[in-house]
Amino acid sequence: MNNNIPNPTDASIILTYRCPMRCKMCNIWANPTEKEKEIKAENLRSLPQLKFINLTGGEPFIREDLAEIVEECYRHTNRIVISTSGWYDERVVALAKQFPQIGIRISIEGLAQKNDELRGREGGFDKGLRTLKTLKAMGLKDIGFGCTVSNNNSADMLELYKLSLSLDMEFATAAFHNSYYFHKDDNVITNKSEVCANFEKLINLQLKEKHPKSWFRAYFNMGLINYIEGNRRLLPCEAGTTNFFIEPYGDVYPCNGLEEKFWKEKMGNIFETPDFMSIWTSEQAESVREKVRNCPKNCWMVGTASPVMHKYVKYPAQWAIKNKLRSLLGKSVCLDKTVYNL
């Protein structure tokens, strides 16, 4: 047992593998969890105090006890963001009325036609956008779009970003990737030059914004370009040290990007070991951290990039300030993509 390991700051909790969508990049819907075996609010009581919890799925709003889970999570953090398809619009609005401080990110993969094609449900774009506008009218602050960029929607990503700006909403990005629970292994961006060029356009637009938060998002998006190009990640991965994720059957993993063809090993299971910190400080957890240090994947996802961007903030800050100045001078971004071995 290692009692010297620092407490984590961030957590992602996958509440279910059930999902009403039929996304092209994910077959989770064809491999649903058994409802009665999914993690419940009572299983989260031993979590430590955290800076941030992301509740995701599958589709979190398929859970009829979601409000109980949110209530328990607020005992461990001041900030919760739920990632959702927005399909259960009435449930989203009802939860927001109960927890007006909640963060909501609705996954929208493009404008109407492209989104509905990629997410496999007609009307998904309209429903998601209408839900966001309803939340905005209710006074919610922490709301916005989440866009996963694949081979043929990077141009739509730019249009979604402009839409988010016009609505004064957040805009989060991710890149096509594989994970064991997607039940797919062919999520690979093949038109790299086009996608990276569109990300560069997005970065230049974000650097023109007034809020420093957008400049740091520009740095994150540079990290996505770096990932798509197949390079080493800009900042070290500290999955299993700064963050963790729990899947619906209680397994605790360092991140949500594991693939069995590389490696996949859990730190423990909260059903078998109800005291979370016993898992966190265990020899098994330390063994997993060693695997993370030697992981070949070089993922760049918000769940593992954001904690280290906060921890080693001076590096993205230096880049952001330098490139904000370039933007003010009418110059394009400098994609230096320096890798820091910290």
Protein backbone atom coordinates (compact mmCIF):
# COMPACT_ATOMS: atom_id res chain seq x y z
CA MET A 1 0.00 0.00 0.00
CA ASN A 2 1.34 3.42 -1.03
CA ASN A 3 0.05 6.15 1.29
CA ASN A 4 2.30 8.75 -0.36
CA ILE A 5 0.36 8.85 -3.61
CA PRO A 6 -1.48 12.18 -3.90
CA ASN A 7 -5.24 12.24 -3.96
CA PRO A 8 -6.76 12.48 -7.45
CA THR A 9 -8.30 15.76 -8.64
CA ASP A 10 -10.56 14.57 -11.50
CA ALA A 11 -12.90 11.65 -12.10
CA SER A 12 -14.99 10.32 -14.95
CA ILE A 13 -17.82 7.96 -14.09
CA ILE A 14 -19.44 5.92 -16.83
CA LEU A 15 -22.91 5.31 -15.45
CA THR A 16 -24.19 2.95 -18.11
CA TYR A 17 -23.41 1.33 -21.44
CA ARG A 18 -27.07 1.63 -22.44
CA CYS A 19 -27.67 4.25 -25.14
CA PRO A 20 -30.49 5.26 -27.51
CA MET A 21 -28.09 6.52 -30.19
CA ARG A 22 -26.51 4.48 -32.99
CA CYS A 23 -23.26 6.37 -33.47
CA LYS A 24 -20.93 5.42 -36.31
CA MET A 25 -17.86 5.71 -34.07
CA CYS A 26 -19.19 3.61 -31.19
CA ASN A 27 -20.97 0.26 -30.83
CA ILE A 28 -21.69 0.69 -27.14
CA TRP A 29 -25.43 0.60 -27.87
CA ALA A 30 -25.09 -2.99 -29.13
CA ASN A 31 -23.34 -4.02 -25.89
CA PRO A 32 -25.51 -2.53 -23.12
CA THR A 33 -25.01 -3.06 -19.40
CA GLU A 34 -27.55 -4.91 -17.28
CA LYS A 35 -29.58 -2.21 -15.57
CA GLU A 36 -29.70 -3.90 -12.16
CA LYS A 37 -25.90 -4.38 -12.05
CA GLU A 38 -24.90 -0.77 -12.78
CA ILE A 39 -23.06 1.39 -10.27
CA LYS A 40 -25.35 3.30 -7.88
CA ALA A 41 -25.07 6.44 -5.76
CA GLU A 42 -24.29 4.45 -2.62
CA ASN A 43 -21.20 2.97 -4.31
CA LEU A 44 -19.68 6.46 -4.61
CA ARG A 45 -19.83 7.42 -0.93
CA SER A 46 -16.13 6.77 -0.28
CA LEU A 47 -14.85 8.96 -3.11
CA PRO A 48 -12.37 11.64 -1.97
CA GLN A 49 -12.88 15.36 -2.45
CA LEU A 50 -12.28 16.21 -6.11
CA LYS A 51 -12.08 19.31 -8.28
CA PHE A 52 -14.18 17.85 -11.06
CA ILE A 53 -16.45 14.91 -11.91
CA ASN A 54 -17.65 14.05 -15.40
CA LEU A 55 -20.71 11.79 -15.62
CA THR A 56 -20.92 10.01 -18.94
CA GLY A 57 -22.04 6.85 -20.69
CA GLY A 58 -23.59 5.42 -22.82
CA GLU A 59 -26.36 7.86 -22.11
CA PRO A 60 -26.41 9.06 -18.47
CA PHE A 61 -30.00 10.31 -18.75
CA ILE A 62 -31.21 6.77 -19.40
CA ARG A 63 -30.62 6.30 -15.65
CA GLU A 64 -33.80 6.89 -13.68
CA ASP A 65 -31.75 7.46 -10.51
CA LEU A 66 -29.43 10.06 -12.06
CA ALA A 67 -30.53 12.78 -9.61
CA GLU A 68 -29.47 10.58 -6.66
CA ILE A 69 -26.06 10.02 -8.27
CA VAL A 70 -25.61 13.76 -8.93
CA GLU A 71 -26.58 14.55 -5.34
CA GLU A 72 -23.96 12.11 -4.03
CA CYS A 73 -21.29 13.45 -6.42
CA TYR A 74 -21.89 17.00 -5.18
CA ARG A 75 -20.77 15.78 -1.75
CA HIS A 76 -17.35 15.19 -3.32
CA THR A 77 -16.94 18.10 -5.75
CA ASN A 78 -18.25 21.55 -6.58
CA ARG A 79 -18.24 20.95 -10.33
CA ILE A 80 -20.05 18.24 -12.27
CA VAL A 81 -20.45 18.08 -16.05
CA ILE A 82 -22.72 15.53 -17.67
CA SER A 83 -21.94 14.42 -21.22
CA THR A 84 -25.15 13.53 -23.04
CA SER A 85 -26.68 13.04 -26.46
CA GLY A 86 -29.55 15.31 -25.40
CA TRP A 87 -32.01 12.69 -26.65
CA TYR A 88 -33.93 12.66 -23.35
CA ASP A 89 -34.51 16.40 -23.49
CA GLU A 90 -37.24 16.53 -20.84
CA ARG A 91 -35.05 14.65 -18.36
CA VAL A 92 -32.14 17.03 -19.01
CA VAL A 93 -34.33 20.05 -18.32
CA ALA A 94 -35.83 18.47 -15.20
CA LEU A 95 -32.39 17.70 -13.74
CA ALA A 96 -31.18 21.22 -14.54
CA LYS A 97 -34.12 22.64 -12.59
CA GLN A 98 -33.09 20.52 -9.61
CA PHE A 99 -29.35 21.31 -9.94
CA PRO A 100 -29.01 24.70 -11.69
CA GLN A 101 -25.24 24.69 -11.16
CA ILE A 102 -24.82 21.49 -13.21
CA GLY A 103 -22.71 21.46 -16.36
CA ILE A 104 -24.22 19.95 -19.52
CA ARG A 105 -22.33 19.09 -22.72
CA ILE A 106 -24.52 17.84 -25.54
CA SER A 107 -22.66 15.77 -28.09
CA ILE A 108 -23.32 17.19 -31.54
CA GLU A 109 -21.10 15.98 -34.36
CA GLY A 110 -21.97 18.53 -37.03
CA LEU A 111 -24.83 20.50 -38.49
CA ALA A 112 -28.23 18.81 -38.78
CA GLN A 113 -27.65 16.39 -41.66
CA LYS A 114 -24.10 15.41 -40.68
CA ASN A 115 -24.92 15.03 -36.98
CA ASP A 116 -27.94 12.82 -37.57
CA GLU A 117 -25.95 10.71 -40.05
CA LEU A 118 -23.05 10.18 -37.64
CA ARG A 119 -25.18 9.67 -34.52
CA GLY A 120 -27.69 7.40 -36.22
CA ARG A 121 -30.92 9.07 -35.06
CA GLU A 122 -32.95 11.46 -37.16
CA GLY A 123 -33.81 14.68 -35.33
CA GLY A 124 -30.90 14.43 -32.91
CA PHE A 125 -29.41 17.79 -33.90
CA ASP A 126 -32.69 19.66 -33.55
CA LYS A 127 -33.41 18.04 -30.20
CA GLY A 128 -29.92 18.76 -28.86
CA LEU A 129 -29.90 22.39 -29.98
CA ARG A 130 -33.40 22.99 -28.65
CA THR A 131 -32.37 21.55 -25.28
CA LEU A 132 -29.30 23.80 -25.09
CA LYS A 133 -31.40 26.86 -25.89
CA THR A 134 -33.91 25.85 -23.20
CA LEU A 135 -31.10 25.48 -20.64
CA LYS A 136 -29.73 28.86 -21.66
CA ALA A 137 -33.13 30.49 -21.17
CA MET A 138 -33.28 28.88 -17.70
CA GLY A 139 -30.07 30.68 -16.76
CA LEU A 140 -27.62 27.76 -16.77
CA LYS A 141 -24.05 28.92 -17.30
CA ASP A 142 -22.00 25.76 -17.80
CA ILE A 143 -23.56 24.46 -21.01
CA GLY A 144 -22.36 23.80 -24.52
CA PHE A 145 -21.50 21.52 -27.40
CA GLY A 146 -19.19 18.54 -27.43
CA CYS A 147 -17.89 17.55 -30.88
CA THR A 148 -15.90 14.41 -31.73
CA VAL A 149 -14.02 15.06 -34.94
CA SER A 150 -13.73 12.15 -37.35
CA ASN A 151 -12.90 11.78 -41.05
CA ASN A 152 -15.72 13.83 -42.51
CA ASN A 153 -17.02 16.39 -40.03
CA SER A 154 -14.10 18.75 -39.36
CA ALA A 155 -15.62 21.45 -41.58
CA ASP A 156 -18.88 21.15 -39.66
CA MET A 157 -16.84 21.49 -36.45
CA LEU A 158 -15.97 25.04 -37.48
CA GLU A 159 -19.62 25.86 -38.13
CA LEU A 160 -20.60 24.41 -34.75
CA TYR A 161 -17.94 26.52 -33.08
CA LYS A 162 -19.36 29.66 -34.71
CA LEU A 163 -22.85 28.62 -33.59
CA SER A 164 -21.61 28.14 -30.01
CA LEU A 165 -20.06 31.62 -30.10
CA SER A 166 -23.31 33.18 -31.32
CA LEU A 167 -25.17 31.46 -28.47
CA ASP A 168 -22.46 32.26 -25.89
CA MET A 169 -21.97 28.59 -25.06
CA GLU A 170 -18.98 26.35 -24.37
CA PHE A 171 -17.40 24.33 -27.17
CA ALA A 172 -15.49 21.14 -26.37
CA THR A 173 -13.62 19.01 -28.89
CA ALA A 174 -12.30 15.47 -29.12
CA ALA A 175 -10.70 13.41 -31.88
CA PHE A 176 -11.76 10.05 -33.21
CA HIS A 177 -10.14 7.33 -31.05
CA ASN A 178 -10.62 3.73 -29.95
CA SER A 179 -11.46 2.35 -26.54
CA TYR A 180 -12.36 -1.11 -25.32
CA TYR A 181 -15.92 -0.10 -24.46
CA PHE A 182 -16.59 1.39 -27.91
CA HIS A 183 -16.32 -2.19 -29.26
CA LYS A 184 -14.54 -0.80 -32.33
CA ASP A 185 -10.90 -0.70 -33.36
CA ASP A 186 -11.08 1.17 -36.68
CA ASN A 187 -11.60 4.75 -35.47
CA VAL A 188 -8.66 6.24 -37.35
CA ILE A 189 -8.52 9.66 -39.01
CA THR A 190 -7.30 9.05 -42.56
CA ASN A 191 -7.62 12.55 -44.07
CA LYS A 192 -5.17 13.98 -41.56
CA SER A 193 -4.14 17.07 -43.52
CA GLU A 194 -7.73 18.28 -43.97
CA VAL A 195 -8.71 17.63 -40.35
CA CYS A 196 -5.54 19.22 -38.96
CA ALA A 197 -5.99 22.26 -41.22
CA ASN A 198 -9.51 22.75 -39.85
CA PHE A 199 -8.26 22.39 -36.28
CA GLU A 200 -5.66 25.06 -37.06
CA LYS A 201 -8.45 27.35 -38.28
CA LEU A 202 -10.31 26.68 -35.04
CA ILE A 203 -7.21 27.50 -32.99
CA ASN A 204 -6.75 30.82 -34.77
CA LEU A 205 -10.40 31.68 -34.13
CA GLN A 206 -10.12 30.77 -30.44
CA LEU A 207 -7.03 32.94 -30.04
CA LYS A 208 -9.05 35.93 -31.28
CA GLU A 209 -11.44 35.55 -28.33
CA LYS A 210 -11.06 37.74 -25.27
CA HIS A 211 -11.33 35.04 -22.61
CA PRO A 212 -8.07 33.26 -21.60
CA LYS A 213 -10.07 30.03 -21.26
CA SER A 214 -10.39 29.99 -25.05
CA TRP A 215 -6.63 30.40 -25.48
CA PHE A 216 -6.06 27.30 -23.33
CA ARG A 217 -8.62 25.46 -25.42
CA ALA A 218 -6.56 26.47 -28.44
CA TYR A 219 -3.57 24.77 -26.78
CA PHE A 220 -5.69 21.66 -26.16
CA ASN A 221 -6.70 21.63 -29.83
CA MET A 222 -3.04 21.91 -30.84
CA GLY A 223 -2.60 18.76 -28.76
CA LEU A 224 -5.30 17.11 -30.87
CA ILE A 225 -3.39 18.00 -34.05
CA ASN A 226 -0.28 16.54 -32.45
CA TYR A 227 -2.20 13.35 -31.57
CA ILE A 228 -3.74 12.99 -35.05
CA GLU A 229 -0.26 13.32 -36.56
CA GLY A 230 0.89 10.40 -34.39
CA ASN A 231 3.35 12.29 -32.19
CA ARG A 232 4.15 11.99 -28.49
CA ARG A 233 1.71 13.90 -26.28
CA LEU A 234 2.65 17.45 -25.31
CA LEU A 235 2.40 16.88 -21.56
CA PRO A 236 2.90 13.62 -19.67
CA CYS A 237 -0.01 11.31 -19.06
CA GLU A 238 -0.74 11.02 -15.35
CA ALA A 239 -3.86 8.89 -15.67
CA GLY A 240 -4.31 6.94 -12.47
CA THR A 241 -2.42 9.66 -10.55
CA THR A 242 -4.30 12.92 -11.19
CA ASN A 243 -7.50 11.28 -12.43
CA PHE A 244 -9.39 8.00 -12.63
CA PHE A 245 -12.51 6.60 -14.21
CA ILE A 246 -15.08 4.13 -12.97
CA GLU A 247 -17.10 1.98 -15.35
CA PRO A 248 -20.69 0.78 -14.77
CA TYR A 249 -19.75 -2.56 -13.20
CA GLY A 250 -17.50 -0.86 -10.64
CA ASP A 251 -14.07 -1.39 -12.18
CA VAL A 252 -11.67 1.49 -11.53
CA TYR A 253 -9.34 2.29 -14.43
CA PRO A 254 -6.75 5.04 -14.92
CA CYS A 255 -8.50 6.35 -18.05
CA ASN A 256 -11.16 5.57 -20.65
CA GLY A 257 -8.81 5.06 -23.58
CA LEU A 258 -7.60 1.55 -22.78
CA GLU A 259 -7.49 -1.09 -25.49
CA GLU A 260 -6.79 -4.77 -24.89
CA LYS A 261 -4.47 -4.93 -27.92
CA PHE A 262 -2.14 -2.56 -26.03
CA TRP A 263 -3.00 -3.20 -22.39
CA LYS A 264 -6.02 -3.08 -20.12
CA GLU A 265 -5.72 -3.51 -16.38
CA LYS A 266 -7.92 -2.23 -13.60
CA MET A 267 -6.82 -0.66 -10.33
CA GLY A 268 -9.60 -2.40 -8.43
CA ASN A 269 -13.37 -2.69 -8.17
CA ILE A 270 -15.51 -0.60 -5.82
CA PHE A 271 -18.04 -3.41 -5.37
CA GLU A 272 -15.27 -5.71 -4.16
CA THR A 273 -13.40 -2.95 -2.24
CA PRO A 274 -16.00 -0.38 -1.12
CA ASP A 275 -13.38 1.99 0.35
CA PHE A 276 -12.11 3.85 -2.73
CA MET A 277 -8.88 5.06 -1.10
CA SER A 278 -7.92 1.46 -0.36
CA ILE A 279 -8.02 0.88 -4.11
CA TRP A 280 -6.19 4.13 -4.84
CA THR A 281 -3.26 3.35 -2.55
CA SER A 282 -3.04 -0.37 -3.35
CA GLU A 283 -0.11 -2.22 -4.90
CA GLN A 284 -2.36 -3.07 -7.84
CA ALA A 285 -3.01 0.63 -8.46
CA GLU A 286 0.72 1.31 -8.37
CA SER A 287 1.27 -1.48 -10.89
CA VAL A 288 -1.27 0.17 -13.20
CA ARG A 289 0.46 3.56 -12.82
CA GLU A 290 3.69 1.94 -13.98
CA LYS A 291 1.89 0.71 -17.10
CA VAL A 292 0.56 4.23 -17.69
CA ARG A 293 4.12 5.57 -17.58
CA ASN A 294 5.02 3.18 -20.39
CA CYS A 295 1.75 3.37 -22.34
CA PRO A 296 2.31 3.52 -26.12
CA LYS A 297 -1.00 5.20 -27.04
CA ASN A 298 -0.18 8.92 -26.56
CA CYS A 299 -3.89 9.75 -26.19
CA TRP A 300 -4.94 13.38 -25.91
CA MET A 301 -8.43 13.41 -24.40
CA VAL A 302 -9.86 16.07 -22.13
CA GLY A 303 -10.13 13.65 -19.20
CA THR A 304 -6.37 13.09 -19.08
CA ALA A 305 -5.11 16.28 -20.73
CA SER A 306 -7.03 18.80 -18.64
CA PRO A 307 -5.66 17.67 -15.23
CA VAL A 308 -2.04 17.92 -16.39
CA MET A 309 -2.70 21.23 -18.17
CA HIS A 310 -3.82 22.55 -14.78
CA LYS A 311 -0.95 20.90 -12.91
CA TYR A 312 1.76 22.13 -15.31
CA VAL A 313 -0.09 25.31 -16.21
CA LYS A 314 2.99 27.42 -16.97
CA TYR A 315 3.68 25.51 -20.20
CA PRO A 316 0.28 25.94 -21.86
CA ALA A 317 0.15 29.47 -20.40
CA GLN A 318 3.45 30.44 -22.06
CA TRP A 319 2.19 29.09 -25.39
CA ALA A 320 -1.19 30.81 -24.99
CA ILE A 321 0.31 34.22 -24.19
CA LYS A 322 2.83 34.02 -27.03
CA ASN A 323 0.18 33.06 -29.56
CA LYS A 324 -2.38 35.54 -28.27
CA LEU A 325 0.19 38.25 -28.95
CA ARG A 326 0.73 36.83 -32.45
CA SER A 327 -3.03 36.91 -32.98
CA LEU A 328 -3.22 40.55 -31.89
CA LEU A 329 -0.50 41.33 -34.43
CA GLY A 330 -2.51 39.61 -37.16
CA LYS A 331 -0.20 36.59 -37.32
CA SER A 332 -1.25 32.94 -37.52
CA VAL A 333 -0.71 30.53 -34.66
CA CYS A 334 2.73 29.00 -34.14
CA LEU A 335 2.16 25.25 -33.82
CA ASP A 336 5.46 24.52 -32.09
CA LYS A 337 4.08 21.39 -30.34
CA THR A 338 6.88 21.21 -27.77
CA VAL A 339 6.88 17.95 -25.81
CA TYR A 340 7.68 18.41 -22.11
CA ASN A 341 9.34 15.51 -20.28
CA LEU A 342 8.33 16.41 -16.73
